[in-house]
């Protein structure tokens, strides 16, 4: 179950990092954010990526977990890019739901 958590948390982390950029804020039709809120999105995205790494290491061990995490980052990055391309308005809501599901999957 932590493998799924790694993927879901990675996706939400990438969305958080992307929403710190003005271009993606425009795509998601969010108001332009000040520097403080952009920093908040960056911190949230980074924390979610670190949680994904922790979930992968907990499941697979250190060496395999890091490799597994890198693979999940690739899949999550592609999913994030596709969401911004085809459904940019739904990115924020999908990241919130998927991030919550990822945390639940890791805890279960």
C-alpha atoms as a PDB file:
ATOM      1  CA  UNK A   1       0.000   0.000   0.000  1.00  0.00           C
ATOM      2  CA  UNK A   2       2.933   2.333   0.552  1.00  0.00           C
ATOM      3  CA  UNK A   3       3.871   2.005  -3.118  1.00  0.00           C
ATOM      4  CA  UNK A   4       0.556   3.594  -3.980  1.00  0.00           C
ATOM      5  CA  UNK A   5       1.142   6.219  -1.291  1.00  0.00           C
ATOM      6  CA  UNK A   6       4.495   7.055  -2.877  1.00  0.00           C
ATOM      7  CA  UNK A   7       2.861   7.660  -6.244  1.00  0.00           C
ATOM      8  CA  UNK A   8      -0.026   9.704  -4.879  1.00  0.00           C
ATOM      9  CA  UNK A   9       2.131  11.875  -2.634  1.00  0.00           C
ATOM     10  CA  UNK A  10       4.584  12.456  -5.478  1.00  0.00           C
ATOM     11  CA  UNK A  11       1.789  13.642  -7.758  1.00  0.00           C
ATOM     12  CA  UNK A  12       0.500  16.066  -5.139  1.00  0.00           C
ATOM     13  CA  UNK A  13       4.021  17.289  -4.476  1.00  0.00           C
ATOM     14  CA  UNK A  14       4.599  18.035  -8.142  1.00  0.00           C
ATOM     15  CA  UNK A  15       1.308  19.919  -8.340  1.00  0.00           C
ATOM     16  CA  UNK A  16       2.342  21.974  -5.315  1.00  0.00           C
ATOM     17  CA  UNK A  17       5.657  22.852  -6.935  1.00  0.00           C
ATOM     18  CA  UNK A  18       3.965  23.653 -10.239  1.00  0.00           C
ATOM     19  CA  UNK A  19       1.412  25.964  -8.633  1.00  0.00           C
ATOM     20  CA  UNK A  20       4.257  28.087  -7.279  1.00  0.00           C
ATOM     21  CA  UNK A  21       4.873  29.161 -10.890  1.00  0.00           C
ATOM     22  CA  UNK A  22       2.824  31.976 -12.467  1.00  0.00           C
ATOM     23  CA  UNK A  23       2.274  30.089 -15.707  1.00  0.00           C
ATOM     24  CA  UNK A  24       0.588  27.180 -13.961  1.00  0.00           C
ATOM     25  CA  UNK A  25      -1.407  29.511 -11.721  1.00  0.00           C
ATOM     26  CA  UNK A  26      -2.861  31.040 -14.878  1.00  0.00           C
ATOM     27  CA  UNK A  27      -3.613  27.606 -16.316  1.00  0.00           C
ATOM     28  CA  UNK A  28      -5.424  26.559 -13.138  1.00  0.00           C
ATOM     29  CA  UNK A  29      -7.212  29.940 -13.153  1.00  0.00           C
ATOM     30  CA  UNK A  30      -5.881  30.887  -9.719  1.00  0.00           C
ATOM     31  CA  UNK A  31      -5.321  34.517  -8.827  1.00  0.00           C
ATOM     32  CA  UNK A  32      -1.730  35.706  -9.061  1.00  0.00           C
ATOM     33  CA  UNK A  33      -0.059  34.920  -5.760  1.00  0.00           C
ATOM     34  CA  UNK A  34       2.394  37.037  -3.820  1.00  0.00           C
ATOM     35  CA  UNK A  35       5.881  35.749  -3.007  1.00  0.00           C
ATOM     36  CA  UNK A  36       4.856  34.509   0.437  1.00  0.00           C
ATOM     37  CA  UNK A  37       2.139  32.237  -0.944  1.00  0.00           C
ATOM     38  CA  UNK A  38       4.413  31.014  -3.716  1.00  0.00           C
ATOM     39  CA  UNK A  39       6.904  30.029  -1.032  1.00  0.00           C
ATOM     40  CA  UNK A  40       4.088  28.191   0.742  1.00  0.00           C
ATOM     41  CA  UNK A  41       3.327  26.164  -2.399  1.00  0.00           C
ATOM     42  CA  UNK A  42       7.028  25.341  -2.808  1.00  0.00           C
ATOM     43  CA  UNK A  43       7.333  24.209   0.798  1.00  0.00           C
ATOM     44  CA  UNK A  44       4.149  22.116   0.572  1.00  0.00           C
ATOM     45  CA  UNK A  45       5.317  20.453  -2.635  1.00  0.00           C
ATOM     46  CA  UNK A  46       8.747  19.721  -1.186  1.00  0.00           C
ATOM     47  CA  UNK A  47       7.292  18.287   2.018  1.00  0.00           C
ATOM     48  CA  UNK A  48       4.987  16.001   0.036  1.00  0.00           C
ATOM     49  CA  UNK A  49       7.912  14.760  -2.063  1.00  0.00           C
ATOM     50  CA  UNK A  50       9.929  14.042   1.082  1.00  0.00           C
ATOM     51  CA  UNK A  51       6.948  12.171   2.558  1.00  0.00           C
ATOM     52  CA  UNK A  52       6.771  10.134  -0.643  1.00  0.00           C
ATOM     53  CA  UNK A  53      10.451   9.298  -0.266  1.00  0.00           C
ATOM     54  CA  UNK A  54       9.892   8.258   3.348  1.00  0.00           C
ATOM     55  CA  UNK A  55       7.004   6.007   2.316  1.00  0.00           C
ATOM     56  CA  UNK A  56       9.147   4.355  -0.366  1.00  0.00           C
ATOM     57  CA  UNK A  57      12.060   3.780   2.002  1.00  0.00           C
ATOM     58  CA  UNK A  58       9.743   2.392   4.672  1.00  0.00           C
ATOM     59  CA  UNK A  59       8.317  -0.121   2.222  1.00  0.00           C
ATOM     60  CA  UNK A  60      11.337  -1.163   0.172  1.00  0.00           C
ATOM     61  CA  UNK A  61      14.375  -0.331   2.293  1.00  0.00           C
ATOM     62  CA  UNK A  62      16.882   2.410   1.609  1.00  0.00           C
ATOM     63  CA  UNK A  63      18.589   1.439  -1.653  1.00  0.00           C
ATOM     64  CA  UNK A  64      15.594  -0.062  -3.430  1.00  0.00           C
ATOM     65  CA  UNK A  65      13.268   2.551  -1.910  1.00  0.00           C
ATOM     66  CA  UNK A  66      15.198   5.436  -3.434  1.00  0.00           C
ATOM     67  CA  UNK A  67      15.158   3.759  -6.858  1.00  0.00           C
ATOM     68  CA  UNK A  68      11.458   2.998  -6.473  1.00  0.00           C
ATOM     69  CA  UNK A  69      10.808   6.626  -5.476  1.00  0.00           C
ATOM     70  CA  UNK A  70      12.632   7.897  -8.569  1.00  0.00           C
ATOM     71  CA  UNK A  71      10.484   5.660 -10.756  1.00  0.00           C
ATOM     72  CA  UNK A  72       7.313   6.894  -9.073  1.00  0.00           C
ATOM     73  CA  UNK A  73       8.506  10.490  -9.546  1.00  0.00           C
ATOM     74  CA  UNK A  74       8.684   9.854 -13.285  1.00  0.00           C
ATOM     75  CA  UNK A  75       5.141   8.491 -13.401  1.00  0.00           C
ATOM     76  CA  UNK A  76       3.793  11.273 -11.177  1.00  0.00           C
ATOM     77  CA  UNK A  77       5.539  13.933 -13.267  1.00  0.00           C
ATOM     78  CA  UNK A  78       3.959  12.625 -16.441  1.00  0.00           C
ATOM     79  CA  UNK A  79       0.534  12.517 -14.769  1.00  0.00           C
ATOM     80  CA  UNK A  80       0.975  16.089 -13.509  1.00  0.00           C
ATOM     81  CA  UNK A  81       2.000  17.325 -16.967  1.00  0.00           C
ATOM     82  CA  UNK A  82      -0.983  15.603 -18.574  1.00  0.00           C
ATOM     83  CA  UNK A  83      -3.385  17.094 -16.032  1.00  0.00           C
ATOM     84  CA  UNK A  84      -2.046  20.595 -16.672  1.00  0.00           C
ATOM     85  CA  UNK A  85      -2.385  19.985 -20.421  1.00  0.00           C
ATOM     86  CA  UNK A  86      -5.858  18.476 -20.552  1.00  0.00           C
ATOM     87  CA  UNK A  87      -7.700  19.521 -17.373  1.00  0.00           C
ATOM     88  CA  UNK A  88      -5.902  22.483 -15.793  1.00  0.00           C
ATOM     89  CA  UNK A  89      -8.930  23.681 -13.817  1.00  0.00           C
ATOM     90  CA  UNK A  90      -9.191  20.360 -11.996  1.00  0.00           C
ATOM     91  CA  UNK A  91      -5.529  20.119 -11.002  1.00  0.00           C
ATOM     92  CA  UNK A  92      -5.872  21.720  -7.579  1.00  0.00           C
ATOM     93  CA  UNK A  93      -8.903  19.685  -6.518  1.00  0.00           C
ATOM     94  CA  UNK A  94      -7.407  16.452  -7.838  1.00  0.00           C
ATOM     95  CA  UNK A  95      -4.141  17.094  -5.987  1.00  0.00           C
ATOM     96  CA  UNK A  96      -5.997  17.700  -2.721  1.00  0.00           C
ATOM     97  CA  UNK A  97      -8.012  14.491  -3.031  1.00  0.00           C
ATOM     98  CA  UNK A  98      -5.060  12.434  -4.245  1.00  0.00           C
ATOM     99  CA  UNK A  99      -2.751  13.829  -1.555  1.00  0.00           C
ATOM    100  CA  UNK A 100      -5.266  12.952   1.160  1.00  0.00           C
ATOM    101  CA  UNK A 101      -5.661   9.478  -0.288  1.00  0.00           C
ATOM    102  CA  UNK A 102      -1.878   9.118  -0.361  1.00  0.00           C
ATOM    103  CA  UNK A 103      -1.576  10.017   3.307  1.00  0.00           C
ATOM    104  CA  UNK A 104      -4.349   7.561   4.182  1.00  0.00           C
ATOM    105  CA  UNK A 105      -2.739   4.820   2.107  1.00  0.00           C
ATOM    106  CA  UNK A 106       0.571   5.373   3.872  1.00  0.00           C
ATOM    107  CA  UNK A 107      -1.024   5.262   7.323  1.00  0.00           C
ATOM    108  CA  UNK A 108      -3.014   2.098   6.601  1.00  0.00           C
END
